N, C-alpha and C. Protein backbone atom coordinates (compact mmCIF):
# COMPACT_ATOMS: atom_id res chain seq x y z
N UNK A 1 0.84 -1.18 0.00
CA UNK A 1 0.00 0.00 0.00
C UNK A 1 0.89 1.24 0.00
N UNK A 2 0.46 2.26 -0.69
CA UNK A 2 1.21 3.51 -0.78
C UNK A 2 0.63 4.51 0.22
N UNK A 3 1.51 5.09 1.01
CA UNK A 3 1.11 6.12 1.97
C UNK A 3 1.72 7.44 1.55
N UNK A 4 0.89 8.46 1.42
CA UNK A 4 1.34 9.78 0.99
C UNK A 4 0.87 10.80 2.01
N UNK A 5 1.79 11.65 2.43
CA UNK A 5 1.46 12.70 3.41
C UNK A 5 2.10 14.02 2.95
N UNK A 6 1.43 15.14 3.19
CA UNK A 6 2.04 16.43 2.86
C UNK A 6 3.13 16.78 3.87
N UNK A 7 4.09 17.57 3.43
CA UNK A 7 5.22 17.96 4.28
C UNK A 7 4.75 18.66 5.55
N UNK A 8 3.69 19.42 5.47
CA UNK A 8 3.20 20.11 6.67
C UNK A 8 2.78 19.12 7.74
N UNK A 9 2.24 17.99 7.35
CA UNK A 9 1.82 16.98 8.32
C UNK A 9 3.04 16.31 8.96
N UNK A 10 4.14 16.21 8.24
CA UNK A 10 5.36 15.65 8.82
C UNK A 10 5.81 16.52 9.99
N UNK A 11 5.70 17.83 9.83
CA UNK A 11 6.09 18.74 10.91
C UNK A 11 5.17 18.65 12.11
N UNK A 12 3.89 18.47 11.85
CA UNK A 12 2.92 18.51 12.95
C UNK A 12 2.58 17.14 13.52
N UNK A 13 2.85 16.08 12.76
CA UNK A 13 2.41 14.75 13.19
C UNK A 13 3.48 13.69 12.90
N UNK A 14 4.73 14.03 13.21
CA UNK A 14 5.85 13.13 12.93
C UNK A 14 5.65 11.75 13.55
N UNK A 15 5.24 11.69 14.82
CA UNK A 15 5.12 10.40 15.51
C UNK A 15 4.15 9.46 14.81
N UNK A 16 3.03 9.98 14.34
CA UNK A 16 2.07 9.13 13.64
C UNK A 16 2.64 8.61 12.33
N UNK A 17 3.35 9.47 11.60
CA UNK A 17 3.95 9.06 10.33
C UNK A 17 5.05 8.03 10.56
N UNK A 18 5.89 8.27 11.56
CA UNK A 18 6.95 7.31 11.88
C UNK A 18 6.35 5.97 12.32
N UNK A 19 5.31 6.01 13.13
CA UNK A 19 4.63 4.77 13.55
C UNK A 19 4.04 4.03 12.36
N UNK A 20 3.45 4.76 11.43
CA UNK A 20 2.87 4.16 10.24
C UNK A 20 3.95 3.42 9.44
N UNK A 21 5.09 4.07 9.25
CA UNK A 21 6.20 3.44 8.52
C UNK A 21 6.71 2.22 9.27
N UNK A 22 6.84 2.35 10.57
CA UNK A 22 7.37 1.26 11.40
C UNK A 22 6.43 0.06 11.42
N UNK A 23 5.14 0.32 11.63
CA UNK A 23 4.17 -0.77 11.77
C UNK A 23 3.88 -1.49 10.46
N UNK A 24 3.86 -0.75 9.36
CA UNK A 24 3.53 -1.37 8.07
C UNK A 24 4.75 -1.89 7.34
N UNK A 25 5.93 -1.32 7.63
CA UNK A 25 7.12 -1.69 6.88
C UNK A 25 7.16 -1.04 5.51
N UNK A 26 6.17 -0.20 5.22
CA UNK A 26 6.10 0.49 3.93
C UNK A 26 6.67 1.90 4.05
N UNK A 27 7.07 2.42 2.92
CA UNK A 27 7.55 3.79 2.87
C UNK A 27 6.37 4.75 2.92
N UNK A 28 6.60 5.91 3.51
CA UNK A 28 5.61 6.99 3.51
C UNK A 28 6.21 8.11 2.67
N UNK A 29 5.53 8.46 1.59
CA UNK A 29 6.02 9.49 0.68
C UNK A 29 5.55 10.85 1.18
N UNK A 30 6.49 11.76 1.32
CA UNK A 30 6.18 13.11 1.78
C UNK A 30 6.20 14.03 0.56
N UNK A 31 5.12 14.79 0.41
CA UNK A 31 5.01 15.67 -0.75
C UNK A 31 5.07 17.13 -0.33
N UNK A 32 5.51 17.94 -1.27
CA UNK A 32 5.47 19.39 -1.11
C UNK A 32 4.76 19.93 -2.34
N UNK A 33 3.67 20.63 -2.11
CA UNK A 33 2.84 21.14 -3.20
C UNK A 33 2.41 20.02 -4.15
N UNK A 34 2.13 18.84 -3.58
CA UNK A 34 1.66 17.72 -4.38
C UNK A 34 2.72 16.93 -5.11
N UNK A 35 3.98 17.34 -4.98
CA UNK A 35 5.08 16.66 -5.65
C UNK A 35 5.89 15.86 -4.64
N UNK A 36 6.13 14.57 -4.91
CA UNK A 36 6.93 13.77 -3.98
C UNK A 36 8.30 14.39 -3.76
N UNK A 37 8.71 14.47 -2.50
CA UNK A 37 9.99 15.11 -2.18
C UNK A 37 10.93 14.20 -1.39
N UNK A 38 10.43 13.54 -0.35
CA UNK A 38 11.26 12.64 0.45
C UNK A 38 10.43 11.42 0.85
N UNK A 39 11.13 10.43 1.38
CA UNK A 39 10.48 9.20 1.83
C UNK A 39 10.87 8.94 3.28
N UNK A 40 9.89 8.59 4.10
CA UNK A 40 10.13 8.17 5.48
C UNK A 40 9.94 6.66 5.50
N UNK A 41 10.94 5.96 6.05
CA UNK A 41 10.90 4.51 6.03
C UNK A 41 11.45 3.95 7.33
N UNK A 42 10.87 2.85 7.81
CA UNK A 42 11.39 2.17 8.98
C UNK A 42 12.83 1.75 8.71
N UNK A 43 13.71 1.94 9.70
CA UNK A 43 15.13 1.67 9.48
C UNK A 43 15.39 0.20 9.19
N UNK A 44 14.71 -0.71 9.88
CA UNK A 44 14.92 -2.14 9.62
C UNK A 44 14.47 -2.50 8.21
N UNK A 45 13.35 -1.94 7.78
CA UNK A 45 12.87 -2.20 6.42
C UNK A 45 13.85 -1.63 5.40
N UNK A 46 14.44 -0.47 5.70
CA UNK A 46 15.44 0.13 4.82
C UNK A 46 16.67 -0.77 4.72
N UNK A 47 17.16 -1.27 5.87
CA UNK A 47 18.32 -2.15 5.86
C UNK A 47 18.04 -3.41 5.06
N UNK A 48 16.86 -3.98 5.22
CA UNK A 48 16.50 -5.18 4.49
C UNK A 48 16.46 -4.90 2.98
N UNK A 49 15.90 -3.77 2.61
CA UNK A 49 15.84 -3.40 1.19
C UNK A 49 17.25 -3.22 0.61
N UNK A 50 18.12 -2.58 1.37
CA UNK A 50 19.51 -2.40 0.92
C UNK A 50 20.20 -3.75 0.73
N UNK A 51 19.99 -4.68 1.66
CA UNK A 51 20.60 -6.01 1.56
C UNK A 51 20.09 -6.74 0.32
N UNK A 52 18.80 -6.68 0.07
CA UNK A 52 18.24 -7.32 -1.11
C UNK A 52 18.85 -6.74 -2.38
N UNK A 53 19.01 -5.43 -2.43
CA UNK A 53 19.62 -4.80 -3.61
C UNK A 53 21.07 -5.24 -3.80
N UNK A 54 21.82 -5.31 -2.70
CA UNK A 54 23.21 -5.75 -2.79
C UNK A 54 23.30 -7.19 -3.28
N UNK A 55 22.46 -8.06 -2.73
CA UNK A 55 22.47 -9.46 -3.15
C UNK A 55 22.04 -9.60 -4.60
N UNK A 56 21.08 -8.81 -5.03
CA UNK A 56 20.65 -8.84 -6.42
C UNK A 56 21.80 -8.43 -7.34
N UNK A 57 22.60 -7.46 -6.91
CA UNK A 57 23.76 -7.04 -7.71
C UNK A 57 24.79 -8.14 -7.80
N UNK A 58 24.99 -8.90 -6.72
CA UNK A 58 25.94 -10.02 -6.74
C UNK A 58 25.45 -11.08 -7.72
N UNK A 59 24.17 -11.40 -7.68
CA UNK A 59 23.60 -12.38 -8.59
C UNK A 59 23.71 -11.89 -10.03
N UNK A 60 23.41 -10.63 -10.27
CA UNK A 60 23.50 -10.07 -11.61
C UNK A 60 24.93 -10.13 -12.13
N UNK A 61 25.89 -9.79 -11.29
CA UNK A 61 27.30 -9.85 -11.71
C UNK A 61 27.68 -11.27 -12.09
N UNK A 62 27.24 -12.24 -11.31
CA UNK A 62 27.51 -13.64 -11.64
C UNK A 62 26.89 -14.04 -12.96
N UNK A 63 25.67 -13.61 -13.20
CA UNK A 63 25.00 -13.92 -14.46
C UNK A 63 25.71 -13.26 -15.64
N UNK A 64 26.16 -12.03 -15.47
CA UNK A 64 26.90 -11.35 -16.54
C UNK A 64 28.20 -12.07 -16.84
N UNK A 65 28.89 -12.51 -15.79
CA UNK A 65 30.13 -13.26 -15.99
C UNK A 65 29.85 -14.57 -16.73
N UNK A 66 28.77 -15.24 -16.37
CA UNK A 66 28.42 -16.49 -17.04
C UNK A 66 28.13 -16.24 -18.52
N UNK A 67 27.41 -15.17 -18.82
CA UNK A 67 27.07 -14.86 -20.20
C UNK A 67 28.30 -14.48 -21.01
N UNK A 68 29.26 -13.81 -20.36
CA UNK A 68 30.50 -13.43 -21.05
C UNK A 68 31.47 -14.59 -21.18
N UNK A 69 31.22 -15.64 -20.42
CA UNK A 69 32.13 -16.78 -20.44
C UNK A 69 33.39 -16.55 -19.63
N UNK A 70 33.38 -15.57 -18.75
CA UNK A 70 34.55 -15.32 -17.91
C UNK A 70 34.56 -16.30 -16.76
N UNK A 71 35.69 -16.37 -16.09
CA UNK A 71 35.86 -17.34 -15.01
C UNK A 71 34.79 -17.15 -13.93
N UNK A 72 34.25 -18.26 -13.49
CA UNK A 72 33.25 -18.22 -12.43
C UNK A 72 33.95 -18.11 -11.08
N UNK A 73 33.22 -17.63 -10.10
CA UNK A 73 33.76 -17.53 -8.74
C UNK A 73 33.70 -18.89 -8.06
N UNK A 74 34.69 -19.14 -7.23
CA UNK A 74 34.64 -20.33 -6.39
C UNK A 74 33.63 -20.09 -5.27
N UNK A 75 33.27 -21.14 -4.58
CA UNK A 75 32.34 -21.00 -3.46
C UNK A 75 32.93 -20.08 -2.40
N UNK A 76 34.23 -20.21 -2.14
CA UNK A 76 34.88 -19.37 -1.15
C UNK A 76 34.84 -17.90 -1.56
N UNK A 77 35.08 -17.63 -2.85
CA UNK A 77 35.03 -16.25 -3.34
C UNK A 77 33.60 -15.69 -3.24
N UNK A 78 32.62 -16.51 -3.55
CA UNK A 78 31.22 -16.07 -3.46
C UNK A 78 30.85 -15.78 -2.01
N UNK A 79 31.25 -16.64 -1.08
CA UNK A 79 30.96 -16.41 0.33
C UNK A 79 31.60 -15.11 0.80
N UNK A 80 32.86 -14.88 0.38
CA UNK A 80 33.55 -13.64 0.77
C UNK A 80 32.83 -12.43 0.21
N UNK A 81 32.37 -12.51 -1.03
CA UNK A 81 31.66 -11.39 -1.65
C UNK A 81 30.35 -11.13 -0.93
N UNK A 82 29.63 -12.19 -0.57
CA UNK A 82 28.36 -12.01 0.14
C UNK A 82 28.58 -11.38 1.51
N UNK A 83 29.62 -11.81 2.22
CA UNK A 83 29.93 -11.23 3.53
C UNK A 83 30.31 -9.76 3.39
N UNK A 84 31.07 -9.45 2.35
CA UNK A 84 31.52 -8.08 2.11
C UNK A 84 30.33 -7.16 1.83
N UNK A 85 29.33 -7.68 1.14
CA UNK A 85 28.17 -6.87 0.75
C UNK A 85 27.05 -6.90 1.77
N UNK A 86 27.20 -7.67 2.82
CA UNK A 86 26.12 -7.77 3.82
C UNK A 86 26.13 -6.59 4.76
């Protein structure tokens, strides 16, 4: 679900907006004059999203290497890369 709030409400009702982001795990889009400007997001949900993006990049890099026919990573190298990106 998409949550949208005007910037003025962020100033006057921060706790409710932060609670909404925290409880739902969804981002709350803050608008100024009807235009999206910033996003409020629960920190744990943000960390999880960042981890998913990093892991997706690792998988994509592996797929690109496979398509190019370049040397594949060993299991040890893959584990090291995953730990580095975690």
